[in-house]
Amino acid sequence: MKSRRIPILLCLLLCLSLAAAPFAAADLVNIGGKLRYYDEYGREAEQIGLDLSQFNNQIDFSALRDQGFTFVIIRLGGRGWGGSGRLYGDRETRANLQLAREAGLEVGAYFYSTAVNPAEALEEAEAALKTLDGFPLDLPVYIDMEYSGDYPYGRSDTLTPGERADVIEAFCGAVRQAGYEAGLYASEGYARFDLDTEAVKYLPFWMASYTVENRLPAHIHSYSVWQQTDSTYAGGVDGAFDLNIILPS
């Protein structure tokens, strides 16, 4: 009888622990109720965070903090990739900024760019700064440079690396002039093939590289924040979200 009770008891304890713990991606480890990330060499991330927009719906920032998340990067808006390049906002920006700050999380921001020249980049920076309206940040305001969802027909998809560098410099220069730190977001592939990385290497780089088995990116130049996956789950967020990592320097 004793030989049967032990595995039954262990099974019950395991089920209870799983029920109490938030569901998370396999790359995150729950230790003592805190979510932690370890890279392929076993190094623990200094910080884990996420980026958010209106598509994440309602967020419980206190629950995220209690699980070990320390920072969020919040969308300020963007520009459409169609011909008109209409600027748009994000209906949850102000609430997300304020609630994240009240929960004690470090806060950064980003703006999705499809600017085709420096003049449009300045328009985007003006829109981002107007939305911030002086809100204090701990992390940079990142210009988000990506391929469009209609590649290669998006309005900025065919810019040369040099033209992209001009757009980035115009946006980031305006952000710095307003008193914020400026940074760049791009995927590893985008940086490799479509950016003049030498021209923008002075900027804090938030890089997307969705690796498996916690492998580090084969990065072009150093990055300060690593967007490791777009498929993380945790208590406090309805559905999947992007996991961002800050590794020891």
C-alpha atoms as a PDB file:
ATOM      1  CA  MET A   1       0.000   0.000   0.000  1.00  0.00           C
ATOM      2  CA  LYS A   2       2.770   2.467   0.866  1.00  0.00           C
ATOM      3  CA  SER A   3       4.310   2.009  -2.543  1.00  0.00           C
ATOM      4  CA  ARG A   4       1.074   3.284  -4.098  1.00  0.00           C
ATOM      5  CA  ARG A   5       0.468   6.233  -1.733  1.00  0.00           C
ATOM      6  CA  ILE A   6       3.743   7.990  -2.510  1.00  0.00           C
ATOM      7  CA  PRO A   7       3.203   8.497  -6.256  1.00  0.00           C
ATOM      8  CA  ILE A   8      -0.445   9.495  -5.675  1.00  0.00           C
ATOM      9  CA  LEU A   9       0.630  12.125  -3.145  1.00  0.00           C
ATOM     10  CA  LEU A  10       3.309  13.464  -5.467  1.00  0.00           C
ATOM     11  CA  CYS A  11       0.802  13.678  -8.287  1.00  0.00           C
ATOM     12  CA  LEU A  12      -1.618  15.660  -6.130  1.00  0.00           C
ATOM     13  CA  LEU A  13       1.117  18.079  -5.049  1.00  0.00           C
ATOM     14  CA  LEU A  14       2.222  18.577  -8.657  1.00  0.00           C
ATOM     15  CA  CYS A  15      -1.321  19.274  -9.818  1.00  0.00           C
ATOM     16  CA  LEU A  16      -1.846  21.810  -7.030  1.00  0.00           C
ATOM     17  CA  SER A  17       1.414  23.629  -7.847  1.00  0.00           C
ATOM     18  CA  LEU A  18       0.530  23.823 -11.537  1.00  0.00           C
ATOM     19  CA  ALA A  19      -2.921  25.144 -10.743  1.00  0.00           C
ATOM     20  CA  ALA A  20      -1.469  27.861  -8.513  1.00  0.00           C
ATOM     21  CA  ALA A  21       1.271  28.949 -10.916  1.00  0.00           C
ATOM     22  CA  PRO A  22       0.593  31.194 -13.932  1.00  0.00           C
ATOM     23  CA  PHE A  23       0.997  29.463 -17.283  1.00  0.00           C
ATOM     24  CA  ALA A  24       4.150  30.661 -19.001  1.00  0.00           C
ATOM     25  CA  ALA A  25       6.214  29.845 -22.052  1.00  0.00           C
ATOM     26  CA  ALA A  26       8.696  27.005 -21.656  1.00  0.00           C
ATOM     27  CA  ASP A  27      11.583  29.501 -21.724  1.00  0.00           C
ATOM     28  CA  LEU A  28      10.456  30.987 -18.413  1.00  0.00           C
ATOM     29  CA  VAL A  29      11.026  29.094 -15.178  1.00  0.00           C
ATOM     30  CA  ASN A  30       8.855  29.598 -12.102  1.00  0.00           C
ATOM     31  CA  ILE A  31      11.018  29.571  -8.974  1.00  0.00           C
ATOM     32  CA  GLY A  32       9.296  30.408  -5.726  1.00  0.00           C
ATOM     33  CA  GLY A  33       6.480  32.180  -7.534  1.00  0.00           C
ATOM     34  CA  LYS A  34       8.835  34.352  -9.613  1.00  0.00           C
ATOM     35  CA  LEU A  35       9.355  33.896 -13.348  1.00  0.00           C
ATOM     36  CA  ARG A  36      12.990  33.753 -14.426  1.00  0.00           C
ATOM     37  CA  TYR A  37      14.782  33.383 -17.756  1.00  0.00           C
ATOM     38  CA  TYR A  38      18.046  31.514 -18.399  1.00  0.00           C
ATOM     39  CA  ASP A  39      19.971  31.631 -21.663  1.00  0.00           C
ATOM     40  CA  GLU A  40      21.723  28.715 -23.339  1.00  0.00           C
ATOM     41  CA  TYR A  41      24.723  29.136 -21.017  1.00  0.00           C
ATOM     42  CA  GLY A  42      22.631  29.187 -17.866  1.00  0.00           C
ATOM     43  CA  ARG A  43      22.961  32.930 -17.294  1.00  0.00           C
ATOM     44  CA  GLU A  44      19.922  34.415 -15.601  1.00  0.00           C
ATOM     45  CA  ALA A  45      18.390  37.501 -17.196  1.00  0.00           C
ATOM     46  CA  GLU A  46      18.870  40.664 -15.194  1.00  0.00           C
ATOM     47  CA  GLN A  47      15.347  41.731 -16.108  1.00  0.00           C
ATOM     48  CA  ILE A  48      12.334  40.329 -17.931  1.00  0.00           C
ATOM     49  CA  GLY A  49       9.686  42.514 -19.499  1.00  0.00           C
ATOM     50  CA  LEU A  50       7.069  42.777 -22.210  1.00  0.00           C
ATOM     51  CA  ASP A  51       5.834  45.204 -24.830  1.00  0.00           C
ATOM     52  CA  LEU A  52       2.179  46.122 -24.987  1.00  0.00           C
ATOM     53  CA  SER A  53      -0.410  47.786 -27.178  1.00  0.00           C
ATOM     54  CA  GLN A  54      -4.188  48.043 -27.313  1.00  0.00           C
ATOM     55  CA  PHE A  55      -4.284  44.523 -28.756  1.00  0.00           C
ATOM     56  CA  ASN A  56      -3.290  43.093 -25.378  1.00  0.00           C
ATOM     57  CA  ASN A  57      -6.582  44.329 -23.911  1.00  0.00           C
ATOM     58  CA  GLN A  58      -6.745  44.818 -20.136  1.00  0.00           C
ATOM     59  CA  ILE A  59      -3.482  44.311 -18.236  1.00  0.00           C
ATOM     60  CA  ASP A  60      -2.958  43.599 -14.533  1.00  0.00           C
ATOM     61  CA  PHE A  61       0.388  45.332 -14.062  1.00  0.00           C
ATOM     62  CA  SER A  62       0.598  44.483 -10.371  1.00  0.00           C
ATOM     63  CA  ALA A  63       0.243  40.783 -11.200  1.00  0.00           C
ATOM     64  CA  LEU A  64       3.055  41.088 -13.731  1.00  0.00           C
ATOM     65  CA  ARG A  65       5.287  42.812 -11.173  1.00  0.00           C
ATOM     66  CA  ASP A  66       4.525  40.162  -8.546  1.00  0.00           C
ATOM     67  CA  GLN A  67       5.574  37.408 -10.984  1.00  0.00           C
ATOM     68  CA  GLY A  68       8.963  39.017 -11.592  1.00  0.00           C
ATOM     69  CA  PHE A  69       8.458  41.291 -14.602  1.00  0.00           C
ATOM     70  CA  THR A  70      10.312  44.568 -14.136  1.00  0.00           C
ATOM     71  CA  PHE A  71       9.707  46.622 -17.294  1.00  0.00           C
ATOM     72  CA  VAL A  72       7.226  47.304 -20.085  1.00  0.00           C
ATOM     73  CA  ILE A  73       7.599  49.022 -23.455  1.00  0.00           C
ATOM     74  CA  ILE A  74       4.325  50.612 -24.541  1.00  0.00           C
ATOM     75  CA  ARG A  75       3.149  51.513 -28.031  1.00  0.00           C
ATOM     76  CA  LEU A  76       2.559  55.214 -28.672  1.00  0.00           C
ATOM     77  CA  GLY A  77       1.082  54.771 -32.149  1.00  0.00           C
ATOM     78  CA  GLY A  78       2.348  54.375 -35.671  1.00  0.00           C
ATOM     79  CA  ARG A  79       1.957  55.084 -39.358  1.00  0.00           C
ATOM     80  CA  GLY A  80       0.117  52.828 -41.793  1.00  0.00           C
ATOM     81  CA  TRP A  81       2.095  50.974 -44.421  1.00  0.00           C
ATOM     82  CA  GLY A  82      -0.332  51.869 -47.230  1.00  0.00           C
ATOM     83  CA  GLY A  83       0.210  54.654 -49.717  1.00  0.00           C
ATOM     84  CA  SER A  84      -1.308  57.463 -47.639  1.00  0.00           C
ATOM     85  CA  GLY A  85       0.772  56.650 -44.577  1.00  0.00           C
ATOM     86  CA  ARG A  86      -1.906  57.764 -42.130  1.00  0.00           C
ATOM     87  CA  LEU A  87      -0.727  58.346 -38.571  1.00  0.00           C
ATOM     88  CA  TYR A  88      -2.680  56.551 -35.845  1.00  0.00           C
ATOM     89  CA  GLY A  89      -2.669  56.350 -32.068  1.00  0.00           C
ATOM     90  CA  ASP A  90      -3.216  53.592 -29.536  1.00  0.00           C
ATOM     91  CA  ARG A  91      -6.295  53.852 -27.352  1.00  0.00           C
ATOM     92  CA  GLU A  92      -4.608  52.197 -24.353  1.00  0.00           C
ATOM     93  CA  THR A  93      -1.356  54.198 -24.334  1.00  0.00           C
ATOM     94  CA  ARG A  94      -2.128  56.660 -21.567  1.00  0.00           C
ATOM     95  CA  ALA A  95      -3.726  54.049 -19.322  1.00  0.00           C
ATOM     96  CA  ASN A  96      -0.880  51.593 -19.866  1.00  0.00           C
ATOM     97  CA  LEU A  97       1.759  54.234 -19.118  1.00  0.00           C
ATOM     98  CA  GLN A  98       0.079  55.339 -15.908  1.00  0.00           C
ATOM     99  CA  LEU A  99      -0.825  51.887 -14.606  1.00  0.00           C
ATOM    100  CA  ALA A 100       2.641  50.506 -15.308  1.00  0.00           C
ATOM    101  CA  ARG A 101       4.212  53.417 -13.430  1.00  0.00           C
ATOM    102  CA  GLU A 102       1.838  52.971 -10.490  1.00  0.00           C
ATOM    103  CA  ALA A 103       2.767  49.276 -10.306  1.00  0.00           C
ATOM    104  CA  GLY A 104       6.442  50.180  -9.990  1.00  0.00           C
ATOM    105  CA  LEU A 105       7.538  48.887 -13.390  1.00  0.00           C
ATOM    106  CA  GLU A 106      10.184  50.585 -15.516  1.00  0.00           C
ATOM    107  CA  VAL A 107       8.584  52.095 -18.604  1.00  0.00           C
ATOM    108  CA  GLY A 108       9.711  52.622 -22.186  1.00  0.00           C
ATOM    109  CA  ALA A 109       7.785  53.368 -25.385  1.00  0.00           C
ATOM    110  CA  TYR A 110       7.840  52.734 -29.131  1.00  0.00           C
ATOM    111  CA  PHE A 111       6.383  54.148 -32.331  1.00  0.00           C
ATOM    112  CA  TYR A 112       5.857  52.039 -35.465  1.00  0.00           C
ATOM    113  CA  SER A 113       7.430  53.892 -38.385  1.00  0.00           C
ATOM    114  CA  THR A 114       6.839  53.686 -42.100  1.00  0.00           C
ATOM    115  CA  ALA A 115       8.378  57.083 -42.799  1.00  0.00           C
ATOM    116  CA  VAL A 116       9.955  57.362 -46.248  1.00  0.00           C
ATOM    117  CA  ASN A 117      12.030  60.475 -45.551  1.00  0.00           C
ATOM    118  CA  PRO A 118      13.288  62.597 -42.635  1.00  0.00           C
ATOM    119  CA  ALA A 119      10.309  64.985 -42.865  1.00  0.00           C
ATOM    120  CA  GLU A 120       7.882  62.124 -42.227  1.00  0.00           C
ATOM    121  CA  ALA A 121      10.132  60.832 -39.447  1.00  0.00           C
ATOM    122  CA  LEU A 122       9.827  64.222 -37.737  1.00  0.00           C
ATOM    123  CA  GLU A 123       6.032  63.987 -38.035  1.00  0.00           C
ATOM    124  CA  GLU A 124       6.170  60.602 -36.335  1.00  0.00           C
ATOM    125  CA  ALA A 125       8.403  61.898 -33.557  1.00  0.00           C
ATOM    126  CA  GLU A 126       6.043  64.831 -33.028  1.00  0.00           C
ATOM    127  CA  ALA A 127       3.084  62.442 -32.747  1.00  0.00           C
ATOM    128  CA  ALA A 128       4.976  60.223 -30.286  1.00  0.00           C
ATOM    129  CA  LEU A 129       6.023  63.177 -28.141  1.00  0.00           C
ATOM    130  CA  LYS A 130       2.528  64.649 -28.161  1.00  0.00           C
ATOM    131  CA  THR A 131       1.167  61.351 -26.869  1.00  0.00           C
ATOM    132  CA  LEU A 132       3.810  61.176 -24.134  1.00  0.00           C
ATOM    133  CA  ASP A 133       3.095  64.781 -23.145  1.00  0.00           C
ATOM    134  CA  GLY A 134       6.098  64.849 -20.835  1.00  0.00           C
ATOM    135  CA  PHE A 135       5.412  61.469 -19.198  1.00  0.00           C
ATOM    136  CA  PRO A 136       8.673  60.342 -17.548  1.00  0.00           C
ATOM    137  CA  LEU A 137      10.316  57.226 -18.971  1.00  0.00           C
ATOM    138  CA  ASP A 138      13.027  54.904 -17.681  1.00  0.00           C
ATOM    139  CA  LEU A 139      13.794  53.306 -21.045  1.00  0.00           C
ATOM    140  CA  PRO A 140      14.129  54.877 -24.510  1.00  0.00           C
ATOM    141  CA  VAL A 141      11.505  55.910 -27.005  1.00  0.00           C
ATOM    142  CA  TYR A 142      12.210  53.389 -29.761  1.00  0.00           C
ATOM    143  CA  ILE A 143      11.550  53.882 -33.455  1.00  0.00           C
ATOM    144  CA  ASP A 144      10.107  50.554 -34.612  1.00  0.00           C
ATOM    145  CA  MET A 145      11.458  49.610 -38.048  1.00  0.00           C
ATOM    146  CA  GLU A 146       9.944  46.504 -39.671  1.00  0.00           C
ATOM    147  CA  TYR A 147       8.914  44.984 -42.960  1.00  0.00           C
ATOM    148  CA  SER A 148       5.284  45.741 -43.745  1.00  0.00           C
ATOM    149  CA  GLY A 149       2.525  43.172 -43.720  1.00  0.00           C
ATOM    150  CA  ASP A 150       2.338  43.644 -47.487  1.00  0.00           C
ATOM    151  CA  TYR A 151       6.057  43.284 -48.215  1.00  0.00           C
ATOM    152  CA  PRO A 152       7.524  44.363 -50.618  1.00  0.00           C
ATOM    153  CA  TYR A 153       4.661  46.737 -51.439  1.00  0.00           C
ATOM    154  CA  GLY A 154       4.576  48.668 -48.180  1.00  0.00           C
ATOM    155  CA  ARG A 155       5.411  52.333 -48.559  1.00  0.00           C
ATOM    156  CA  SER A 156       8.803  52.053 -46.807  1.00  0.00           C
ATOM    157  CA  ASP A 157       9.751  48.487 -47.768  1.00  0.00           C
ATOM    158  CA  THR A 158      12.097  49.497 -50.589  1.00  0.00           C
ATOM    159  CA  LEU A 159      14.102  52.210 -48.836  1.00  0.00           C
ATOM    160  CA  THR A 160      17.850  51.802 -49.042  1.00  0.00           C
ATOM    161  CA  PRO A 161      19.831  51.228 -45.817  1.00  0.00           C
ATOM    162  CA  GLY A 162      21.113  54.781 -46.069  1.00  0.00           C
ATOM    163  CA  GLU A 163      17.606  56.218 -46.440  1.00  0.00           C
ATOM    164  CA  ARG A 164      16.505  54.225 -43.403  1.00  0.00           C
ATOM    165  CA  ALA A 165      19.429  55.604 -41.420  1.00  0.00           C
ATOM    166  CA  ASP A 166      18.299  59.140 -42.315  1.00  0.00           C
ATOM    167  CA  VAL A 167      14.768  58.361 -41.100  1.00  0.00           C
ATOM    168  CA  ILE A 168      16.086  56.906 -37.847  1.00  0.00           C
ATOM    169  CA  GLU A 169      18.385  59.843 -37.186  1.00  0.00           C
ATOM    170  CA  ALA A 170      15.611  62.393 -37.795  1.00  0.00           C
ATOM    171  CA  PHE A 171      13.193  60.606 -35.440  1.00  0.00           C
ATOM    172  CA  CYS A 172      15.764  59.963 -32.738  1.00  0.00           C
ATOM    173  CA  GLY A 173      17.200  63.448 -32.954  1.00  0.00           C
ATOM    174  CA  ALA A 174      13.769  64.969 -32.274  1.00  0.00           C
ATOM    175  CA  VAL A 175      13.193  62.575 -29.374  1.00  0.00           C
ATOM    176  CA  ARG A 176      16.561  63.446 -27.807  1.00  0.00           C
ATOM    177  CA  GLN A 177      15.900  67.144 -28.264  1.00  0.00           C
ATOM    178  CA  ALA A 178      12.706  66.702 -26.237  1.00  0.00           C
ATOM    179  CA  GLY A 179      14.715  65.232 -23.360  1.00  0.00           C
ATOM    180  CA  TYR A 180      14.095  61.524 -23.866  1.00  0.00           C
ATOM    181  CA  GLU A 181      16.564  58.785 -24.677  1.00  0.00           C
ATOM    182  CA  ALA A 182      16.025  57.430 -28.199  1.00  0.00           C
ATOM    183  CA  GLY A 183      16.504  53.872 -29.427  1.00  0.00           C
ATOM    184  CA  LEU A 184      15.937  51.542 -32.367  1.00  0.00           C
ATOM    185  CA  TYR A 185      13.788  48.401 -32.643  1.00  0.00           C
ATOM    186  CA  ALA A 186      14.310  45.961 -35.518  1.00  0.00           C
ATOM    187  CA  SER A 187      14.531  42.257 -36.158  1.00  0.00           C
ATOM    188  CA  GLU A 188      17.896  40.547 -36.493  1.00  0.00           C
ATOM    189  CA  GLY A 189      17.258  39.879 -40.192  1.00  0.00           C
ATOM    190  CA  TYR A 190      16.125  43.443 -40.850  1.00  0.00           C
ATOM    191  CA  ALA A 191      19.260  44.779 -39.192  1.00  0.00           C
ATOM    192  CA  ARG A 192      21.449  42.392 -41.153  1.00  0.00           C
ATOM    193  CA  PHE A 193      20.077  43.097 -44.616  1.00  0.00           C
ATOM    194  CA  ASP A 194      18.246  46.430 -44.582  1.00  0.00           C
ATOM    195  CA  LEU A 195      19.957  48.755 -42.122  1.00  0.00           C
ATOM    196  CA  ASP A 196      23.210  50.649 -42.184  1.00  0.00           C
ATOM    197  CA  THR A 197      24.197  49.273 -38.797  1.00  0.00           C
ATOM    198  CA  GLU A 198      27.379  51.336 -38.628  1.00  0.00           C
ATOM    199  CA  ALA A 199      25.374  54.534 -38.996  1.00  0.00           C
ATOM    200  CA  VAL A 200      22.975  53.683 -36.152  1.00  0.00           C
ATOM    201  CA  LYS A 201      25.192  51.636 -33.816  1.00  0.00           C
ATOM    202  CA  TYR A 202      25.312  54.494 -31.293  1.00  0.00           C
ATOM    203  CA  LEU A 203      21.627  53.916 -30.484  1.00  0.00           C
ATOM    204  CA  PRO A 204      20.334  51.511 -27.837  1.00  0.00           C
ATOM    205  CA  PHE A 205      19.184  48.532 -29.902  1.00  0.00           C
ATOM    206  CA  TRP A 206      16.061  46.547 -29.011  1.00  0.00           C
ATOM    207  CA  MET A 207      16.369  43.481 -31.214  1.00  0.00           C
ATOM    208  CA  ALA A 208      13.800  40.832 -32.144  1.00  0.00           C
ATOM    209  CA  SER A 209      15.268  37.359 -32.656  1.00  0.00           C
ATOM    210  CA  TYR A 210      12.986  34.392 -31.982  1.00  0.00           C
ATOM    211  CA  THR A 211      15.405  31.590 -31.193  1.00  0.00           C
ATOM    212  CA  VAL A 212      14.763  28.105 -29.837  1.00  0.00           C
ATOM    213  CA  GLU A 213      16.239  26.333 -26.810  1.00  0.00           C
ATOM    214  CA  ASN A 214      17.229  29.735 -25.369  1.00  0.00           C
ATOM    215  CA  ARG A 215      19.987  30.174 -27.944  1.00  0.00           C
ATOM    216  CA  LEU A 216      21.442  33.653 -28.152  1.00  0.00           C
ATOM    217  CA  PRO A 217      21.020  35.620 -31.386  1.00  0.00           C
ATOM    218  CA  ALA A 218      23.831  35.710 -33.918  1.00  0.00           C
ATOM    219  CA  HIS A 219      23.651  39.471 -33.595  1.00  0.00           C
ATOM    220  CA  ILE A 220      25.249  42.057 -35.861  1.00  0.00           C
ATOM    221  CA  HIS A 221      26.102  44.521 -33.131  1.00  0.00           C
ATOM    222  CA  SER A 222      25.361  44.765 -29.441  1.00  0.00           C
ATOM    223  CA  TYR A 223      21.777  44.950 -28.232  1.00  0.00           C
ATOM    224  CA  SER A 224      20.449  46.207 -24.912  1.00  0.00           C
ATOM    225  CA  VAL A 225      17.020  44.518 -25.018  1.00  0.00           C
ATOM    226  CA  TRP A 226      16.252  41.196 -26.707  1.00  0.00           C
ATOM    227  CA  GLN A 227      12.709  40.366 -27.816  1.00  0.00           C
ATOM    228  CA  GLN A 228      13.041  36.611 -27.504  1.00  0.00           C
ATOM    229  CA  THR A 229       9.565  35.422 -28.525  1.00  0.00           C
ATOM    230  CA  ASP A 230       6.081  36.661 -29.356  1.00  0.00           C
ATOM    231  CA  SER A 231       4.372  33.712 -27.666  1.00  0.00           C
ATOM    232  CA  THR A 232       4.710  34.052 -23.903  1.00  0.00           C
ATOM    233  CA  TYR A 233       1.854  33.617 -21.448  1.00  0.00           C
ATOM    234  CA  ALA A 234       1.625  34.775 -17.838  1.00  0.00           C
ATOM    235  CA  GLY A 235      -0.954  35.827 -15.297  1.00  0.00           C
ATOM    236  CA  GLY A 236      -2.150  39.397 -15.762  1.00  0.00           C
ATOM    237  CA  VAL A 237      -2.275  39.352 -19.569  1.00  0.00           C
ATOM    238  CA  ASP A 238      -5.101  37.922 -21.667  1.00  0.00           C
ATOM    239  CA  GLY A 239      -3.401  35.868 -24.367  1.00  0.00           C
ATOM    240  CA  ALA A 240       0.122  35.686 -25.732  1.00  0.00           C
ATOM    241  CA  PHE A 241       2.565  38.571 -25.559  1.00  0.00           C
ATOM    242  CA  ASP A 242       6.157  39.431 -26.516  1.00  0.00           C
ATOM    243  CA  LEU A 243       8.816  38.450 -23.983  1.00  0.00           C
ATOM    244  CA  ASN A 244      11.757  40.826 -23.678  1.00  0.00           C
ATOM    245  CA  ILE A 245      15.047  40.020 -21.967  1.00  0.00           C
ATOM    246  CA  ILE A 246      17.852  42.130 -20.543  1.00  0.00           C
ATOM    247  CA  LEU A 247      20.909  39.926 -20.074  1.00  0.00           C
ATOM    248  CA  PRO A 248      23.962  40.638 -17.916  1.00  0.00           C
ATOM    249  CA  SER A 249      26.408  42.898 -19.732  1.00  0.00           C
END
